[in-house]
Amino acid sequence: MRDFSALRRAGTLGRMQKQETTIEKLFPGLRPEELDEARHALRWYLSFIVRLQGRIASDPRERERLAALTRKLCVSSMGEGRSFTSQNQDTDV
């Protein structure tokens, strides 16, 4: 186990600790009704993300669809350092 006391005293770990973020901090200057609307939108969005994650986690087909979206489609056919103009003599001036 490492001793992080020197880093803690220097403040390095303090920045890594979780800081409470509130709607008020994210959007200073909103009126109370706007803050309520922002809270409602955030709750709706978070519940959507939880439902989406649950759907993907419970269905192998959905997991594969998600993986396909993030898979690299093709490998570049051009070598490093080459350009289109170096392949054609008509660009020489």
C-alpha atoms as a PDB file:
ATOM      1  CA  MET A   1       0.000   0.000   0.000  1.00  0.00           C
ATOM      2  CA  ARG A   2       1.420   3.368  -0.971  1.00  0.00           C
ATOM      3  CA  ASP A   3       1.511   6.344   1.353  1.00  0.00           C
ATOM      4  CA  PHE A   4      -0.184   9.325  -0.302  1.00  0.00           C
ATOM      5  CA  SER A   5       0.054  11.651   2.687  1.00  0.00           C
ATOM      6  CA  ALA A   6       2.593  13.956   1.000  1.00  0.00           C
ATOM      7  CA  LEU A   7       0.387  14.260  -2.085  1.00  0.00           C
ATOM      8  CA  ARG A   8      -2.659  14.893   0.075  1.00  0.00           C
ATOM      9  CA  ARG A   9      -0.848  17.686   1.913  1.00  0.00           C
ATOM     10  CA  ALA A  10       0.231  19.172  -1.424  1.00  0.00           C
ATOM     11  CA  GLY A  11      -3.374  19.214  -2.571  1.00  0.00           C
ATOM     12  CA  THR A  12      -2.916  16.795  -5.474  1.00  0.00           C
ATOM     13  CA  LEU A  13      -5.433  14.259  -4.201  1.00  0.00           C
ATOM     14  CA  GLY A  14      -7.827  16.981  -3.121  1.00  0.00           C
ATOM     15  CA  ARG A  15      -8.539  17.759  -6.754  1.00  0.00           C
ATOM     16  CA  MET A  16      -9.298  14.104  -7.447  1.00  0.00           C
ATOM     17  CA  GLN A  17     -11.915  13.855  -4.720  1.00  0.00           C
ATOM     18  CA  LYS A  18     -15.547  14.097  -5.730  1.00  0.00           C
ATOM     19  CA  GLN A  19     -16.894  17.610  -5.568  1.00  0.00           C
ATOM     20  CA  GLU A  20     -20.614  18.170  -5.276  1.00  0.00           C
ATOM     21  CA  THR A  21     -22.041  19.708  -8.424  1.00  0.00           C
ATOM     22  CA  THR A  22     -25.467  21.245  -8.298  1.00  0.00           C
ATOM     23  CA  ILE A  23     -27.756  22.689 -10.945  1.00  0.00           C
ATOM     24  CA  GLU A  24     -27.169  26.078  -9.352  1.00  0.00           C
ATOM     25  CA  LYS A  25     -23.406  25.729  -9.819  1.00  0.00           C
ATOM     26  CA  LEU A  26     -23.780  24.499 -13.387  1.00  0.00           C
ATOM     27  CA  PHE A  27     -26.241  27.223 -14.385  1.00  0.00           C
ATOM     28  CA  PRO A  28     -25.767  30.251 -12.167  1.00  0.00           C
ATOM     29  CA  GLY A  29     -28.324  33.014 -12.500  1.00  0.00           C
ATOM     30  CA  LEU A  30     -31.337  30.878 -13.415  1.00  0.00           C
ATOM     31  CA  ARG A  31     -34.690  31.854 -11.984  1.00  0.00           C
ATOM     32  CA  PRO A  32     -36.317  29.329  -9.579  1.00  0.00           C
ATOM     33  CA  GLU A  33     -38.775  28.121 -12.233  1.00  0.00           C
ATOM     34  CA  GLU A  34     -35.891  27.609 -14.681  1.00  0.00           C
ATOM     35  CA  LEU A  35     -34.000  25.634 -12.048  1.00  0.00           C
ATOM     36  CA  ASP A  36     -37.060  23.417 -11.538  1.00  0.00           C
ATOM     37  CA  GLU A  37     -37.298  22.857 -15.287  1.00  0.00           C
ATOM     38  CA  ALA A  38     -33.566  22.008 -15.451  1.00  0.00           C
ATOM     39  CA  ARG A  39     -33.937  19.518 -12.569  1.00  0.00           C
ATOM     40  CA  HIS A  40     -36.911  17.883 -14.296  1.00  0.00           C
ATOM     41  CA  ALA A  41     -34.984  17.606 -17.593  1.00  0.00           C
ATOM     42  CA  LEU A  42     -31.966  16.112 -15.822  1.00  0.00           C
ATOM     43  CA  ARG A  43     -34.111  13.525 -14.001  1.00  0.00           C
ATOM     44  CA  TRP A  44     -35.815  12.565 -17.273  1.00  0.00           C
ATOM     45  CA  TYR A  45     -32.470  12.253 -19.067  1.00  0.00           C
ATOM     46  CA  LEU A  46     -30.905  10.165 -16.306  1.00  0.00           C
ATOM     47  CA  SER A  47     -33.906   7.820 -16.164  1.00  0.00           C
ATOM     48  CA  PHE A  48     -33.682   7.415 -19.955  1.00  0.00           C
ATOM     49  CA  ILE A  49     -29.971   6.526 -19.710  1.00  0.00           C
ATOM     50  CA  VAL A  50     -30.662   3.965 -16.966  1.00  0.00           C
ATOM     51  CA  ARG A  51     -33.432   2.359 -19.050  1.00  0.00           C
ATOM     52  CA  LEU A  52     -31.211   2.323 -22.145  1.00  0.00           C
ATOM     53  CA  GLN A  53     -28.319   0.747 -20.256  1.00  0.00           C
ATOM     54  CA  GLY A  54     -30.659  -1.890 -18.825  1.00  0.00           C
ATOM     55  CA  ARG A  55     -32.013  -2.732 -22.263  1.00  0.00           C
ATOM     56  CA  ILE A  56     -28.540  -3.073 -23.750  1.00  0.00           C
ATOM     57  CA  ALA A  57     -27.235  -5.113 -20.807  1.00  0.00           C
ATOM     58  CA  SER A  58     -30.145  -7.572 -20.918  1.00  0.00           C
ATOM     59  CA  ASP A  59     -30.169  -8.273 -24.659  1.00  0.00           C
ATOM     60  CA  PRO A  60     -27.166  -9.824 -26.473  1.00  0.00           C
ATOM     61  CA  ARG A  61     -28.467  -8.527 -29.841  1.00  0.00           C
ATOM     62  CA  GLU A  62     -28.574  -4.977 -28.501  1.00  0.00           C
ATOM     63  CA  ARG A  63     -25.035  -5.332 -27.131  1.00  0.00           C
ATOM     64  CA  GLU A  64     -23.856  -6.475 -30.575  1.00  0.00           C
ATOM     65  CA  ARG A  65     -25.645  -3.563 -32.272  1.00  0.00           C
ATOM     66  CA  LEU A  66     -23.925  -1.118 -29.934  1.00  0.00           C
ATOM     67  CA  ALA A  67     -20.552  -2.788 -30.497  1.00  0.00           C
ATOM     68  CA  ALA A  68     -21.079  -2.529 -34.260  1.00  0.00           C
ATOM     69  CA  LEU A  69     -21.647   1.218 -33.951  1.00  0.00           C
ATOM     70  CA  THR A  70     -18.318   1.700 -32.227  1.00  0.00           C
ATOM     71  CA  ARG A  71     -16.282  -0.760 -34.308  1.00  0.00           C
ATOM     72  CA  LYS A  72     -13.675   0.648 -36.685  1.00  0.00           C
ATOM     73  CA  LEU A  73     -15.161   0.443 -40.184  1.00  0.00           C
ATOM     74  CA  CYS A  74     -12.083   0.222 -42.383  1.00  0.00           C
ATOM     75  CA  VAL A  75      -8.358   0.588 -42.377  1.00  0.00           C
ATOM     76  CA  SER A  76      -6.844   3.472 -44.309  1.00  0.00           C
ATOM     77  CA  SER A  77      -5.482   2.411 -47.691  1.00  0.00           C
ATOM     78  CA  MET A  78      -2.932   5.199 -47.925  1.00  0.00           C
ATOM     79  CA  GLY A  79       0.508   4.752 -46.476  1.00  0.00           C
ATOM     80  CA  GLU A  80       1.803   7.246 -43.988  1.00  0.00           C
ATOM     81  CA  GLY A  81       3.441  10.277 -45.574  1.00  0.00           C
ATOM     82  CA  ARG A  82       1.826   9.811 -48.996  1.00  0.00           C
ATOM     83  CA  SER A  83      -0.637  12.167 -50.557  1.00  0.00           C
ATOM     84  CA  PHE A  84      -2.893  12.135 -53.581  1.00  0.00           C
ATOM     85  CA  THR A  85      -0.746  14.696 -55.376  1.00  0.00           C
ATOM     86  CA  SER A  86       2.399  12.573 -55.110  1.00  0.00           C
ATOM     87  CA  GLN A  87       0.665   9.782 -57.046  1.00  0.00           C
ATOM     88  CA  ASN A  88      -0.087  11.905 -60.116  1.00  0.00           C
ATOM     89  CA  GLN A  89       2.469  13.549 -62.396  1.00  0.00           C
ATOM     90  CA  ASP A  90      -0.001  16.199 -63.568  1.00  0.00           C
ATOM     91  CA  THR A  91       0.390  18.069 -60.313  1.00  0.00           C
ATOM     92  CA  ASP A  92       4.078  18.760 -60.825  1.00  0.00           C
ATOM     93  CA  VAL A  93       4.630  22.411 -61.656  1.00  0.00           C
END
